[in-house]
Amino acid sequence: MNATLMTKRAPAKEAPAKTNGNGTNGIIGGSPHTLSTYIQSRFDECSRSQKDVAQYIIDHLDEAAFQTAEELARRANTSSSTVVRFSQALGFEGFPELQRAAREEYRRAHAGVGESPLFSVERSAFETAIAADHVNVEETARKATPANVERAIAAISAASRIVIAGTDQMAFFASYLRHLLMLLDLRAELVASPSQEALGRLARIDSETLVIALSAGRPHALVVRAMKLAHHRQAATIAITDATMSDVAKLAQIKLYYSSNSPTYVRSHTALLSMIQALAYGVYSRDEEQYVDRIKAFRLK
């Protein structure tokens, strides 16, 4: 089957991408779509669990192109049957047909891109994991527009109070970002669990507060709550996420995406760590003379 999505006229109600006798996928909206753009156009029609699959494919196309339905389901925190039903909801006969479309988009996007000279062709598991992180950092840097990064750095520098929300695996990175900002004498507070103390910090969010939300995949309800509260109280918001269509990203004024592709059994957070350190360094660089003595004094303690 040719996985390229071919053009056809859409009826009054947009029809799903169906495979035809030629093995070609029909498309939507009267113009050719990649699989990613087609999924985005149908995103609001998906169930909650199907949205997890959709988000993961959009943001991790290379993994979706070569993983099994079971592996993709595990990464998207859902079941393999949901992956199959999602494929069929889009008009594919099953997951293999959707995967062919993903592979076609991946190959087109990477046409002419060679292997990194840092790694051999026959890689060990160790080299494969490091190679993936090398690509993650590169992809994260490519998608971080200078204007968006500068807006984030300016917002952090100017904030009178910063609340950093991140639970579960994100709690470590939220704590580390707080540590880096505290070194620069910025007032930063952590919301990492639904404790009474953390909820009290959320209750004090006002228009002078900057809320920074960290998430991987489907965001925790507490992090979404923090962003909704910030939106309601007209506080500035930044989302740092590996899911571009997540609820946290939709609620944020400034969105920063990091790539978390990984051949291992967990998501990679190397690019997230790099982004956090780069943001803190960006704040430091805005007024290095102001911060240098404080940093020296801290090191002497």
Protein backbone atom coordinates (compact mmCIF):
# COMPACT_ATOMS: atom_id res chain seq x y z
CA MET A 1 0.00 0.00 0.00
CA ASN A 2 1.28 3.47 -0.84
CA ALA A 3 1.03 5.22 2.50
CA THR A 4 0.86 8.71 0.98
CA LEU A 5 -2.54 10.24 1.65
CA MET A 6 -4.06 11.09 -1.77
CA THR A 7 -6.53 13.86 -2.57
CA LYS A 8 -10.25 13.45 -3.05
CA ARG A 9 -13.23 15.74 -2.76
CA ALA A 10 -14.68 15.87 0.73
CA PRO A 11 -18.45 15.53 1.06
CA ALA A 12 -20.44 17.82 3.33
CA LYS A 13 -19.10 15.87 6.31
CA GLU A 14 -15.39 15.12 6.11
CA ALA A 15 -14.76 11.44 5.36
CA PRO A 16 -12.01 9.41 7.00
CA ALA A 17 -8.91 8.28 5.13
CA LYS A 18 -9.99 4.96 3.61
CA THR A 19 -7.77 2.56 1.78
CA ASN A 20 -8.92 1.91 -1.77
CA GLY A 21 -8.31 -0.77 -4.33
CA ASN A 22 -5.01 0.79 -5.40
CA GLY A 23 -3.74 0.63 -1.84
CA THR A 24 -3.82 4.43 -1.58
CA ASN A 25 -5.21 6.32 1.37
CA GLY A 26 -7.96 8.84 0.62
CA ILE A 27 -7.81 12.23 2.29
CA ILE A 28 -9.63 14.94 3.92
CA GLY A 29 -10.27 18.56 3.20
CA GLY A 30 -9.39 18.50 -0.51
CA SER A 31 -5.60 18.73 -0.12
CA PRO A 32 -2.83 16.22 0.62
CA HIS A 33 -2.08 15.64 4.29
CA THR A 34 0.72 13.92 6.09
CA LEU A 35 -0.39 11.47 8.75
CA SER A 36 0.50 14.00 11.48
CA THR A 37 -1.59 16.83 10.01
CA TYR A 38 -4.48 14.45 9.34
CA ILE A 39 -4.45 13.25 12.96
CA GLN A 40 -4.40 16.86 14.15
CA SER A 41 -7.43 17.65 11.97
CA ARG A 42 -9.36 14.76 13.59
CA PHE A 43 -8.00 15.24 17.14
CA ASP A 44 -11.15 16.70 18.70
CA GLU A 45 -13.19 13.69 17.50
CA CYS A 46 -11.06 11.25 19.50
CA SER A 47 -11.89 9.78 22.90
CA ARG A 48 -9.59 10.62 25.80
CA SER A 49 -7.54 7.43 25.45
CA GLN A 50 -7.37 7.85 21.67
CA LYS A 51 -6.08 11.40 22.18
CA ASP A 52 -3.16 9.91 24.13
CA VAL A 53 -2.33 7.78 21.10
CA ALA A 54 -2.79 10.73 18.73
CA GLN A 55 -0.51 12.97 20.78
CA TYR A 56 2.17 10.34 20.97
CA ILE A 57 2.19 9.70 17.22
CA ILE A 58 2.31 13.42 16.40
CA ASP A 59 5.21 14.10 18.76
CA HIS A 60 7.06 10.77 18.35
CA LEU A 61 6.54 9.88 14.70
CA ASP A 62 9.81 7.97 14.38
CA GLU A 63 8.84 5.66 17.24
CA ALA A 64 5.29 5.15 15.93
CA ALA A 65 6.72 4.29 12.51
CA PHE A 66 8.74 1.34 13.78
CA GLN A 67 7.18 0.17 17.06
CA THR A 68 4.58 -2.57 17.44
CA ALA A 69 1.05 -1.65 18.51
CA GLU A 70 1.84 -3.06 21.97
CA GLU A 71 4.97 -0.90 22.34
CA LEU A 72 3.15 2.20 21.14
CA ALA A 73 0.30 1.51 23.59
CA ARG A 74 2.74 1.23 26.49
CA ARG A 75 4.41 4.54 25.61
CA ALA A 76 1.02 6.25 25.26
CA ASN A 77 -0.21 4.78 28.57
CA THR A 78 -3.10 2.92 26.96
CA SER A 79 -3.95 -0.53 25.52
CA SER A 80 -3.06 -2.09 22.17
CA SER A 81 -6.80 -2.45 21.44
CA THR A 82 -7.13 1.34 21.77
CA VAL A 83 -4.30 1.77 19.25
CA VAL A 84 -6.14 -0.51 16.81
CA ARG A 85 -9.48 1.25 17.35
CA PHE A 86 -7.77 4.62 16.87
CA SER A 87 -6.33 3.42 13.55
CA GLN A 88 -9.74 2.25 12.41
CA ALA A 89 -11.41 5.48 13.55
CA LEU A 90 -9.11 7.32 11.14
CA GLY A 91 -10.24 5.04 8.31
CA PHE A 92 -7.33 2.60 8.22
CA GLU A 93 -8.01 -1.13 8.19
CA GLY A 94 -5.76 -1.53 11.21
CA PHE A 95 -2.53 -0.43 12.83
CA PRO A 96 -0.20 -1.81 10.10
CA GLU A 97 -1.82 0.53 7.54
CA LEU A 98 -1.48 3.53 9.85
CA GLN A 99 2.13 2.55 10.51
CA ARG A 100 2.91 2.50 6.79
CA ALA A 101 1.66 6.09 6.55
CA ALA A 102 3.87 6.99 9.54
CA ARG A 103 6.91 5.38 7.88
CA GLU A 104 6.27 7.22 4.64
CA GLU A 105 6.07 10.58 6.45
CA TYR A 106 9.19 9.75 8.46
CA ARG A 107 11.18 8.80 5.36
CA ARG A 108 10.13 11.94 3.51
CA ALA A 109 11.07 14.12 6.48
CA HIS A 110 14.48 12.47 6.82
CA ALA A 111 15.32 12.15 3.13
CA GLY A 112 19.01 12.94 2.61
CA VAL A 113 19.77 13.01 6.34
CA GLY A 114 22.72 10.71 7.07
CA GLU A 115 23.79 8.90 10.20
CA SER A 116 25.55 10.93 12.85
CA PRO A 117 29.34 10.40 12.66
CA LEU A 118 29.39 10.16 16.45
CA PHE A 119 28.01 6.63 16.36
CA SER A 120 28.79 3.45 14.48
CA VAL A 121 26.25 1.72 12.25
CA GLU A 122 26.20 -1.38 14.46
CA ARG A 123 25.38 0.18 17.79
CA SER A 124 25.29 -1.36 21.21
CA ALA A 125 22.24 -0.74 23.39
CA PHE A 126 24.29 1.90 25.24
CA GLU A 127 25.19 3.71 22.01
CA THR A 128 21.61 3.48 20.73
CA ALA A 129 20.26 5.21 23.84
CA ILE A 130 22.88 7.98 23.67
CA ALA A 131 22.29 8.41 19.93
CA ALA A 132 18.57 8.91 20.61
CA ASP A 133 19.35 11.60 23.19
CA HIS A 134 21.72 13.28 20.74
CA VAL A 135 18.81 13.53 18.29
CA ASN A 136 16.40 14.64 21.05
CA VAL A 137 18.54 17.63 22.00
CA GLU A 138 18.98 18.56 18.33
CA GLU A 139 15.24 18.28 17.67
CA THR A 140 14.41 20.31 20.78
CA ALA A 141 16.80 23.08 19.76
CA ARG A 142 15.35 23.10 16.23
CA LYS A 143 11.77 23.56 17.46
CA ALA A 144 12.60 26.20 20.09
CA THR A 145 12.03 29.48 18.25
CA PRO A 146 14.29 32.33 19.47
CA ALA A 147 11.30 34.63 20.03
CA ASN A 148 9.50 32.06 22.19
CA VAL A 149 12.62 31.30 24.23
CA GLU A 150 13.29 35.00 24.78
CA ARG A 151 9.69 35.50 25.93
CA ALA A 152 10.12 32.70 28.48
CA ILE A 153 13.43 34.08 29.76
CA ALA A 154 11.99 37.60 30.02
CA ALA A 155 8.93 36.31 31.91
CA ILE A 156 11.10 34.40 34.39
CA SER A 157 13.43 37.37 34.90
CA ALA A 158 10.57 39.80 35.54
CA ALA A 159 8.39 37.60 37.75
CA SER A 160 7.99 38.66 41.37
CA ARG A 161 6.88 35.13 42.26
CA ILE A 162 7.26 31.86 40.36
CA VAL A 163 5.28 28.66 40.95
CA ILE A 164 6.73 25.54 39.27
CA ALA A 165 4.28 22.64 38.91
CA GLY A 166 5.47 19.13 38.13
CA THR A 167 4.39 15.82 39.63
CA ASP A 168 5.66 12.24 39.57
CA GLN A 169 8.72 11.99 37.29
CA MET A 170 8.46 15.73 36.54
CA ALA A 171 8.82 16.58 40.25
CA PHE A 172 12.60 16.10 40.05
CA PHE A 173 12.94 18.49 37.12
CA ALA A 174 10.60 21.03 38.70
CA SER A 175 12.72 20.91 41.86
CA TYR A 176 15.93 21.30 39.87
CA LEU A 177 14.54 24.33 37.99
CA ARG A 178 13.55 25.84 41.33
CA HIS A 179 17.08 25.24 42.61
CA LEU A 180 18.64 26.99 39.59
CA LEU A 181 16.32 29.99 39.94
CA MET A 182 16.84 30.23 43.70
CA LEU A 183 20.58 30.51 43.02
CA LEU A 184 19.74 33.66 41.08
CA ASP A 185 17.73 34.98 44.04
CA LEU A 186 14.42 34.51 42.25
CA ARG A 187 11.44 33.62 44.42
CA ALA A 188 10.41 30.17 43.20
CA GLU A 189 7.99 27.75 44.84
CA LEU A 190 7.32 24.10 44.06
CA VAL A 191 4.02 22.26 43.55
CA ALA A 192 4.87 18.57 43.23
CA SER A 193 2.02 16.83 45.09
CA PRO A 194 -1.54 17.57 46.29
CA SER A 195 -0.33 18.32 49.82
CA GLN A 196 -1.95 21.02 51.93
CA GLU A 197 1.18 23.14 51.58
CA ALA A 198 1.25 22.80 47.78
CA LEU A 199 -2.46 23.61 47.49
CA GLY A 200 -1.83 26.71 49.60
CA ARG A 201 0.79 27.83 47.06
CA LEU A 202 -1.74 27.40 44.29
CA ALA A 203 -4.31 29.39 46.24
CA ARG A 204 -1.91 32.36 46.37
CA ILE A 205 -1.53 32.58 42.56
CA ASP A 206 -2.36 36.08 41.34
CA SER A 207 -1.67 38.33 38.35
CA GLU A 208 1.90 38.93 39.57
CA THR A 209 2.71 35.20 39.59
CA LEU A 210 4.40 33.22 36.82
CA VAL A 211 3.29 29.57 36.65
CA ILE A 212 5.64 27.11 34.93
CA ALA A 213 4.13 23.68 34.21
CA LEU A 214 6.26 20.63 33.38
CA SER A 215 4.62 17.57 31.86
CA ALA A 216 5.36 14.37 29.94
CA GLY A 217 2.55 12.76 27.99
CA ARG A 218 -0.86 13.25 29.60
CA PRO A 219 -0.37 15.93 32.30
CA HIS A 220 -1.27 15.23 35.92
CA ALA A 221 -4.60 16.70 37.06
CA LEU A 222 -2.79 18.87 39.64
CA VAL A 223 -0.64 20.48 36.94
CA VAL A 224 -3.70 21.16 34.76
CA ARG A 225 -5.44 22.63 37.81
CA ALA A 226 -2.50 24.98 38.39
CA MET A 227 -2.66 26.20 34.78
CA LYS A 228 -6.44 26.67 34.86
CA LEU A 229 -6.18 28.64 38.08
CA ALA A 230 -3.40 30.77 36.59
CA HIS A 231 -5.51 31.44 33.50
CA HIS A 232 -8.51 32.41 35.65
CA ARG A 233 -6.41 34.80 37.73
CA GLN A 234 -4.60 36.27 34.71
CA ALA A 235 -1.19 34.99 35.75
CA ALA A 236 1.58 34.50 33.17
CA THR A 237 2.09 30.86 32.16
CA ILE A 238 4.81 28.73 30.56
CA ALA A 239 4.39 25.08 29.55
CA ILE A 240 7.42 22.83 29.08
CA THR A 241 6.10 19.61 27.58
CA ASP A 242 6.80 16.75 25.18
CA ALA A 243 3.14 16.69 24.02
CA THR A 244 2.33 19.66 21.81
CA MET A 245 -1.44 19.11 22.00
CA SER A 246 -1.71 18.44 25.74
CA ASP A 247 -4.10 20.34 28.01
CA VAL A 248 -1.14 22.07 29.65
CA ALA A 249 0.14 23.35 26.30
CA LYS A 250 -3.31 24.61 25.32
CA LEU A 251 -3.59 26.64 28.54
CA ALA A 252 -0.11 28.18 28.35
CA GLN A 253 0.78 31.61 26.97
CA ILE A 254 4.32 30.43 26.20
CA LYS A 255 4.90 26.86 25.00
CA LEU A 256 8.30 25.14 24.95
CA TYR A 257 8.51 21.65 23.46
CA TYR A 258 11.17 19.05 24.20
CA SER A 259 11.68 15.76 22.38
CA SER A 260 11.59 12.63 24.57
CA ASN A 261 12.02 9.82 22.03
CA SER A 262 13.79 6.79 23.45
CA PRO A 263 14.53 3.18 22.45
CA THR A 264 14.41 2.20 26.12
CA TYR A 265 11.47 1.33 28.38
CA VAL A 266 11.01 4.93 29.62
CA ARG A 267 10.80 8.36 27.99
CA SER A 268 14.04 10.29 27.67
CA HIS A 269 14.33 13.54 29.66
CA THR A 270 17.81 14.55 28.50
CA ALA A 271 16.45 17.33 26.29
CA LEU A 272 14.20 18.53 29.13
CA LEU A 273 17.19 18.83 31.46
CA SER A 274 19.11 20.69 28.75
CA MET A 275 16.21 23.11 28.23
CA ILE A 276 15.85 23.82 31.96
CA GLN A 277 19.55 24.60 32.29
CA ALA A 278 19.49 26.74 29.13
CA LEU A 279 16.55 28.80 30.43
CA ALA A 280 18.30 29.42 33.76
CA TYR A 281 21.49 30.39 31.94
CA GLY A 282 19.45 32.73 29.74
CA VAL A 283 18.18 34.50 32.86
CA TYR A 284 21.72 34.66 34.28
CA SER A 285 23.10 36.09 31.02
CA ARG A 286 20.63 38.99 31.02
CA ASP A 287 22.47 40.53 33.97
CA GLU A 288 25.62 38.50 34.59
CA GLU A 289 27.26 41.18 36.73
CA GLN A 290 24.31 41.14 39.12
CA TYR A 291 24.43 37.38 39.58
CA VAL A 292 28.13 36.53 39.47
CA ASP A 293 28.93 37.59 43.06
CA ARG A 294 25.92 35.73 44.43
CA ILE A 295 26.96 32.54 42.62
CA LYS A 296 30.52 32.85 43.96
CA ALA A 297 29.22 33.37 47.49
CA PHE A 298 27.00 30.32 47.22
CA ARG A 299 29.91 28.15 46.12
CA LEU A 300 31.85 29.17 49.22
CA LYS A 301 29.13 27.93 51.55
